[in-house]
Amino acid sequence: MLYRILQAPSNNISKILLSNQTISNLNEVNLSKNPISEWSDVLNLSALLPNLQILALNECSIKNIEFPHTLFIGGKEVKEEKIWFPKLHMLQLSSCKIDNWASVEALNEIPNMVHFKFKDNPILEKESRETCRQLLIAAIKSLAYLNGSLIEKQERRGAEIDFLKKYGKEYLSLQESNDEQQLTAFMNAHPR
């Protein structure tokens, strides 16, 4: 397989527009240090680059990550089952502006992501370094490497147990309260 790379850091790219054509021979894209702020622009790459394996978005202005599951067609809401970035195995989001765990947990939608580089984001300042590592590991089930370091089986197990300890009581109390709105908000914040 011919490996094609696009290096475009520091090019003042702020929007990624959807096109009717795909670029199937591009495997690696580096858009680091560009003022990309909307994750919806990044999602356009999923359709444009079906064979994308490595995506670097370090030092971009991304703050929130969401994967839409509904479309509006003819004014009606339609549920969509879509596989985002089906071949992506490495994502780099270091030094962005991500400040919420829901954005990190949303990355679980990328089915084959095994390498994740995620340093120097505001969310990492809210907990200890060790706790942040555990939350990152528990949030994304497919991860095998975090910031270049191998995730051992026992580390993953411990991270997932700690994740359940951290959020399990809140989930159980919301279930008992029968408050659908708060339960839905919780499930959106913690999709895994």
C-alpha atoms as a PDB file:
ATOM      1  CA  MET A   1       0.000   0.000   0.000  1.00  0.00           C
ATOM      2  CA  LEU A   2       1.334   3.393  -0.967  1.00  0.00           C
ATOM      3  CA  TYR A   3       1.419   5.652   2.059  1.00  0.00           C
ATOM      4  CA  ARG A   4       0.436   9.259   1.314  1.00  0.00           C
ATOM      5  CA  ILE A   5       0.970  12.122   3.716  1.00  0.00           C
ATOM      6  CA  LEU A   6      -0.299  15.710   3.803  1.00  0.00           C
ATOM      7  CA  GLN A   7       1.668  18.051   6.042  1.00  0.00           C
ATOM      8  CA  ALA A   8      -0.183  21.366   6.454  1.00  0.00           C
ATOM      9  CA  PRO A   9       0.655  22.748   9.914  1.00  0.00           C
ATOM     10  CA  SER A  10       0.591  26.509  10.501  1.00  0.00           C
ATOM     11  CA  ASN A  11      -1.360  27.310   7.321  1.00  0.00           C
ATOM     12  CA  ASN A  12      -4.129  29.409   8.882  1.00  0.00           C
ATOM     13  CA  ILE A  13      -6.719  26.726   7.996  1.00  0.00           C
ATOM     14  CA  SER A  14      -9.897  27.353   9.986  1.00  0.00           C
ATOM     15  CA  LYS A  15     -12.544  25.468   7.960  1.00  0.00           C
ATOM     16  CA  ILE A  16     -12.645  22.058   6.307  1.00  0.00           C
ATOM     17  CA  LEU A  17     -15.373  21.947   3.707  1.00  0.00           C
ATOM     18  CA  LEU A  18     -17.172  18.837   2.552  1.00  0.00           C
ATOM     19  CA  SER A  19     -16.753  17.877  -1.102  1.00  0.00           C
ATOM     20  CA  ASN A  20     -18.525  15.425  -3.404  1.00  0.00           C
ATOM     21  CA  GLN A  21     -15.201  13.720  -4.106  1.00  0.00           C
ATOM     22  CA  THR A  22     -13.104  11.576  -1.804  1.00  0.00           C
ATOM     23  CA  ILE A  23      -9.336  11.305  -1.625  1.00  0.00           C
ATOM     24  CA  SER A  24      -8.747   7.632  -1.021  1.00  0.00           C
ATOM     25  CA  ASN A  25      -4.945   7.540  -1.257  1.00  0.00           C
ATOM     26  CA  LEU A  26      -4.302   9.935   1.651  1.00  0.00           C
ATOM     27  CA  ASN A  27      -3.411   8.081   4.869  1.00  0.00           C
ATOM     28  CA  GLU A  28      -1.868  10.704   7.153  1.00  0.00           C
ATOM     29  CA  VAL A  29      -2.832  14.350   7.683  1.00  0.00           C
ATOM     30  CA  ASN A  30      -1.130  16.895   9.916  1.00  0.00           C
ATOM     31  CA  LEU A  31      -3.218  20.039  10.467  1.00  0.00           C
ATOM     32  CA  SER A  32      -1.513  21.061  13.720  1.00  0.00           C
ATOM     33  CA  LYS A  33      -1.167  24.732  14.660  1.00  0.00           C
ATOM     34  CA  ASN A  34      -4.146  25.792  12.542  1.00  0.00           C
ATOM     35  CA  PRO A  35      -7.088  27.812  13.963  1.00  0.00           C
ATOM     36  CA  ILE A  36      -9.552  24.937  13.503  1.00  0.00           C
ATOM     37  CA  SER A  37     -12.095  25.344  16.297  1.00  0.00           C
ATOM     38  CA  GLU A  38     -15.158  23.336  15.260  1.00  0.00           C
ATOM     39  CA  TRP A  39     -15.129  19.549  15.537  1.00  0.00           C
ATOM     40  CA  SER A  40     -17.800  19.472  12.802  1.00  0.00           C
ATOM     41  CA  ASP A  41     -15.077  20.627  10.383  1.00  0.00           C
ATOM     42  CA  VAL A  42     -12.868  17.745  11.489  1.00  0.00           C
ATOM     43  CA  LEU A  43     -15.772  15.333  10.934  1.00  0.00           C
ATOM     44  CA  ASN A  44     -15.807  16.371   7.267  1.00  0.00           C
ATOM     45  CA  LEU A  45     -12.432  14.610   6.958  1.00  0.00           C
ATOM     46  CA  SER A  46     -14.152  11.306   7.768  1.00  0.00           C
ATOM     47  CA  ALA A  47     -16.092  11.498   4.499  1.00  0.00           C
ATOM     48  CA  LEU A  48     -13.338  13.135   2.439  1.00  0.00           C
ATOM     49  CA  LEU A  49     -10.550  10.766   3.502  1.00  0.00           C
ATOM     50  CA  PRO A  50     -11.960   7.235   3.878  1.00  0.00           C
ATOM     51  CA  ASN A  51      -8.504   5.671   4.356  1.00  0.00           C
ATOM     52  CA  LEU A  52      -7.182   8.179   6.886  1.00  0.00           C
ATOM     53  CA  GLN A  53      -5.061   6.381   9.479  1.00  0.00           C
ATOM     54  CA  ILE A  54      -3.218   9.182  11.305  1.00  0.00           C
ATOM     55  CA  LEU A  55      -4.620  12.627  12.119  1.00  0.00           C
ATOM     56  CA  ALA A  56      -2.640  15.315  13.955  1.00  0.00           C
ATOM     57  CA  LEU A  57      -4.570  18.310  15.279  1.00  0.00           C
ATOM     58  CA  ASN A  58      -2.132  19.490  17.935  1.00  0.00           C
ATOM     59  CA  GLU A  59      -2.352  23.150  18.972  1.00  0.00           C
ATOM     60  CA  CYS A  60      -5.692  23.691  17.212  1.00  0.00           C
ATOM     61  CA  SER A  61      -8.518  25.654  18.864  1.00  0.00           C
ATOM     62  CA  ILE A  62     -10.835  22.665  19.327  1.00  0.00           C
ATOM     63  CA  LYS A  63     -12.757  22.889  22.603  1.00  0.00           C
ATOM     64  CA  ASN A  64     -15.656  20.417  22.233  1.00  0.00           C
ATOM     65  CA  ILE A  65     -15.966  17.069  20.477  1.00  0.00           C
ATOM     66  CA  GLU A  66     -19.319  15.619  19.467  1.00  0.00           C
ATOM     67  CA  PHE A  67     -20.408  13.020  16.954  1.00  0.00           C
ATOM     68  CA  PRO A  68     -23.925  13.656  15.625  1.00  0.00           C
ATOM     69  CA  HIS A  69     -26.330  10.727  15.540  1.00  0.00           C
ATOM     70  CA  THR A  70     -29.330  12.533  14.103  1.00  0.00           C
ATOM     71  CA  LEU A  71     -29.959  14.299  10.835  1.00  0.00           C
ATOM     72  CA  PHE A  72     -32.777  16.581   9.863  1.00  0.00           C
ATOM     73  CA  ILE A  73     -34.218  15.603   6.491  1.00  0.00           C
ATOM     74  CA  GLY A  74     -37.250  17.500   5.279  1.00  0.00           C
ATOM     75  CA  GLY A  75     -37.702  18.970   8.759  1.00  0.00           C
ATOM     76  CA  LYS A  76     -37.870  15.502  10.362  1.00  0.00           C
ATOM     77  CA  GLU A  77     -35.330  14.078  12.768  1.00  0.00           C
ATOM     78  CA  VAL A  78     -33.730  10.881  11.455  1.00  0.00           C
ATOM     79  CA  LYS A  79     -31.371   8.668  13.507  1.00  0.00           C
ATOM     80  CA  GLU A  80     -28.164   7.888  11.660  1.00  0.00           C
ATOM     81  CA  GLU A  81     -25.822   4.999  12.349  1.00  0.00           C
ATOM     82  CA  LYS A  82     -22.482   6.140  10.989  1.00  0.00           C
ATOM     83  CA  ILE A  83     -18.977   4.842  11.471  1.00  0.00           C
ATOM     84  CA  TRP A  84     -16.679   7.822  11.881  1.00  0.00           C
ATOM     85  CA  PHE A  85     -13.064   7.564  10.701  1.00  0.00           C
ATOM     86  CA  PRO A  86     -13.232   3.793  10.086  1.00  0.00           C
ATOM     87  CA  LYS A  87      -9.472   3.338   9.510  1.00  0.00           C
ATOM     88  CA  LEU A  88      -8.087   5.972  11.883  1.00  0.00           C
ATOM     89  CA  HIS A  89      -5.724   4.381  14.378  1.00  0.00           C
ATOM     90  CA  MET A  90      -3.826   7.433  15.686  1.00  0.00           C
ATOM     91  CA  LEU A  91      -5.253  10.769  16.801  1.00  0.00           C
ATOM     92  CA  GLN A  92      -3.212  13.638  18.221  1.00  0.00           C
ATOM     93  CA  LEU A  93      -5.025  16.387  20.148  1.00  0.00           C
ATOM     94  CA  SER A  94      -2.290  17.820  22.373  1.00  0.00           C
ATOM     95  CA  SER A  95      -2.320  21.499  23.354  1.00  0.00           C
ATOM     96  CA  CYS A  96      -5.876  22.107  22.178  1.00  0.00           C
ATOM     97  CA  LYS A  97      -8.570  23.772  24.313  1.00  0.00           C
ATOM     98  CA  ILE A  98     -10.546  20.684  25.383  1.00  0.00           C
ATOM     99  CA  ASP A  99     -11.956  21.342  28.838  1.00  0.00           C
ATOM    100  CA  ASN A 100     -14.580  18.609  29.395  1.00  0.00           C
ATOM    101  CA  TRP A 101     -14.541  14.842  29.822  1.00  0.00           C
ATOM    102  CA  ALA A 102     -17.613  14.416  27.595  1.00  0.00           C
ATOM    103  CA  SER A 103     -15.461  15.444  24.621  1.00  0.00           C
ATOM    104  CA  VAL A 104     -12.844  12.845  25.514  1.00  0.00           C
ATOM    105  CA  GLU A 105     -15.474  10.132  26.003  1.00  0.00           C
ATOM    106  CA  ALA A 106     -17.044  11.034  22.646  1.00  0.00           C
ATOM    107  CA  LEU A 107     -13.846   9.799  20.966  1.00  0.00           C
ATOM    108  CA  ASN A 108     -15.031   6.290  21.754  1.00  0.00           C
ATOM    109  CA  GLU A 109     -16.968   6.685  18.458  1.00  0.00           C
ATOM    110  CA  ILE A 110     -13.717   6.165  16.522  1.00  0.00           C
ATOM    111  CA  PRO A 111     -13.742   2.353  16.417  1.00  0.00           C
ATOM    112  CA  ASN A 112     -10.099   1.558  15.612  1.00  0.00           C
ATOM    113  CA  MET A 113      -8.213   4.284  17.450  1.00  0.00           C
ATOM    114  CA  VAL A 114      -5.404   2.566  19.333  1.00  0.00           C
ATOM    115  CA  HIS A 115      -2.941   5.483  19.656  1.00  0.00           C
ATOM    116  CA  PHE A 116      -4.009   8.730  21.326  1.00  0.00           C
ATOM    117  CA  LYS A 117      -1.757  11.676  22.110  1.00  0.00           C
ATOM    118  CA  PHE A 118      -3.435  14.078  24.494  1.00  0.00           C
ATOM    119  CA  LYS A 119      -1.307  16.448  26.575  1.00  0.00           C
ATOM    120  CA  ASP A 120      -1.617  20.052  27.753  1.00  0.00           C
ATOM    121  CA  ASN A 121      -5.392  20.455  27.476  1.00  0.00           C
ATOM    122  CA  PRO A 122      -7.341  22.406  30.138  1.00  0.00           C
ATOM    123  CA  ILE A 123      -9.277  19.276  31.233  1.00  0.00           C
ATOM    124  CA  LEU A 124      -5.998  17.738  32.400  1.00  0.00           C
ATOM    125  CA  GLU A 125      -5.534  20.491  34.974  1.00  0.00           C
ATOM    126  CA  LYS A 126      -8.667  19.470  36.930  1.00  0.00           C
ATOM    127  CA  GLU A 127      -7.313  16.153  38.252  1.00  0.00           C
ATOM    128  CA  SER A 128      -3.922  14.652  39.109  1.00  0.00           C
ATOM    129  CA  ARG A 129      -1.797  13.328  36.256  1.00  0.00           C
ATOM    130  CA  GLU A 130      -2.423   9.717  37.307  1.00  0.00           C
ATOM    131  CA  THR A 131      -6.198  10.236  37.578  1.00  0.00           C
ATOM    132  CA  CYS A 132      -6.295  11.904  34.168  1.00  0.00           C
ATOM    133  CA  ARG A 133      -4.428   8.979  32.623  1.00  0.00           C
ATOM    134  CA  GLN A 134      -6.910   6.535  34.166  1.00  0.00           C
ATOM    135  CA  LEU A 135      -9.911   8.559  32.964  1.00  0.00           C
ATOM    136  CA  LEU A 136      -8.491   8.736  29.437  1.00  0.00           C
ATOM    137  CA  ILE A 137      -7.873   4.982  29.341  1.00  0.00           C
ATOM    138  CA  ALA A 138     -11.340   4.153  30.682  1.00  0.00           C
ATOM    139  CA  ALA A 139     -13.055   6.632  28.360  1.00  0.00           C
ATOM    140  CA  ILE A 140     -11.801   5.103  25.092  1.00  0.00           C
ATOM    141  CA  LYS A 141     -12.168   1.332  24.950  1.00  0.00           C
ATOM    142  CA  SER A 142     -10.003   0.738  21.859  1.00  0.00           C
ATOM    143  CA  LEU A 143      -6.857   2.482  23.170  1.00  0.00           C
ATOM    144  CA  ALA A 144      -3.650   0.476  23.377  1.00  0.00           C
ATOM    145  CA  TYR A 145      -1.218   3.419  23.644  1.00  0.00           C
ATOM    146  CA  LEU A 146      -1.675   6.733  25.441  1.00  0.00           C
ATOM    147  CA  ASN A 147       0.882   9.476  24.797  1.00  0.00           C
ATOM    148  CA  GLY A 148       3.233   6.877  23.342  1.00  0.00           C
ATOM    149  CA  SER A 149       3.120   4.511  26.295  1.00  0.00           C
ATOM    150  CA  LEU A 150       1.606   1.007  26.185  1.00  0.00           C
ATOM    151  CA  ILE A 151      -1.544   0.442  28.243  1.00  0.00           C
ATOM    152  CA  GLU A 152      -1.113  -2.854  30.059  1.00  0.00           C
ATOM    153  CA  LYS A 153      -4.135  -5.089  30.662  1.00  0.00           C
ATOM    154  CA  GLN A 154      -4.045  -4.581  34.444  1.00  0.00           C
ATOM    155  CA  GLU A 155      -3.768  -0.791  34.005  1.00  0.00           C
ATOM    156  CA  ARG A 156      -6.896  -0.790  31.812  1.00  0.00           C
ATOM    157  CA  ARG A 157      -8.785  -2.911  34.352  1.00  0.00           C
ATOM    158  CA  GLY A 158      -7.796  -0.599  37.210  1.00  0.00           C
ATOM    159  CA  ALA A 159      -8.723   2.487  35.169  1.00  0.00           C
ATOM    160  CA  GLU A 160     -12.164   1.125  34.358  1.00  0.00           C
ATOM    161  CA  ILE A 161     -12.803   0.193  38.001  1.00  0.00           C
ATOM    162  CA  ASP A 162     -11.795   3.704  39.100  1.00  0.00           C
ATOM    163  CA  PHE A 163     -14.038   5.177  36.395  1.00  0.00           C
ATOM    164  CA  LEU A 164     -16.990   3.206  37.772  1.00  0.00           C
ATOM    165  CA  LYS A 165     -16.151   4.358  41.309  1.00  0.00           C
ATOM    166  CA  LYS A 166     -16.022   7.986  40.161  1.00  0.00           C
ATOM    167  CA  TYR A 167     -19.309   8.021  38.201  1.00  0.00           C
ATOM    168  CA  GLY A 168     -21.220   4.916  39.350  1.00  0.00           C
ATOM    169  CA  LYS A 169     -22.961   6.454  42.378  1.00  0.00           C
ATOM    170  CA  GLU A 170     -24.173   9.437  40.357  1.00  0.00           C
ATOM    171  CA  TYR A 171     -25.542   7.111  37.669  1.00  0.00           C
ATOM    172  CA  LEU A 172     -27.379   4.926  40.193  1.00  0.00           C
ATOM    173  CA  SER A 173     -28.908   7.912  41.979  1.00  0.00           C
ATOM    174  CA  LEU A 174     -30.107   9.371  38.668  1.00  0.00           C
ATOM    175  CA  GLN A 175     -31.669   6.027  37.752  1.00  0.00           C
ATOM    176  CA  GLU A 176     -33.492   5.898  41.087  1.00  0.00           C
ATOM    177  CA  SER A 177     -34.711   9.490  40.770  1.00  0.00           C
ATOM    178  CA  ASN A 178     -36.490   8.733  37.466  1.00  0.00           C
ATOM    179  CA  ASP A 179     -35.388  12.155  36.198  1.00  0.00           C
ATOM    180  CA  GLU A 180     -35.123  11.346  32.492  1.00  0.00           C
ATOM    181  CA  GLN A 181     -33.698  14.735  31.593  1.00  0.00           C
ATOM    182  CA  GLN A 182     -30.807  14.500  34.061  1.00  0.00           C
ATOM    183  CA  LEU A 183     -30.195  10.841  33.190  1.00  0.00           C
ATOM    184  CA  THR A 184     -30.051  11.728  29.492  1.00  0.00           C
ATOM    185  CA  ALA A 185     -27.609  14.567  30.254  1.00  0.00           C
ATOM    186  CA  PHE A 186     -25.465  12.142  32.259  1.00  0.00           C
ATOM    187  CA  MET A 187     -25.512   9.565  29.441  1.00  0.00           C
ATOM    188  CA  ASN A 188     -24.537  12.247  26.915  1.00  0.00           C
ATOM    189  CA  ALA A 189     -21.644  13.319  29.128  1.00  0.00           C
ATOM    190  CA  HIS A 190     -20.515   9.720  29.730  1.00  0.00           C
ATOM    191  CA  PRO A 191     -21.435   7.681  26.637  1.00  0.00           C
ATOM    192  CA  ARG A 192     -19.120   4.775  27.426  1.00  0.00           C
END
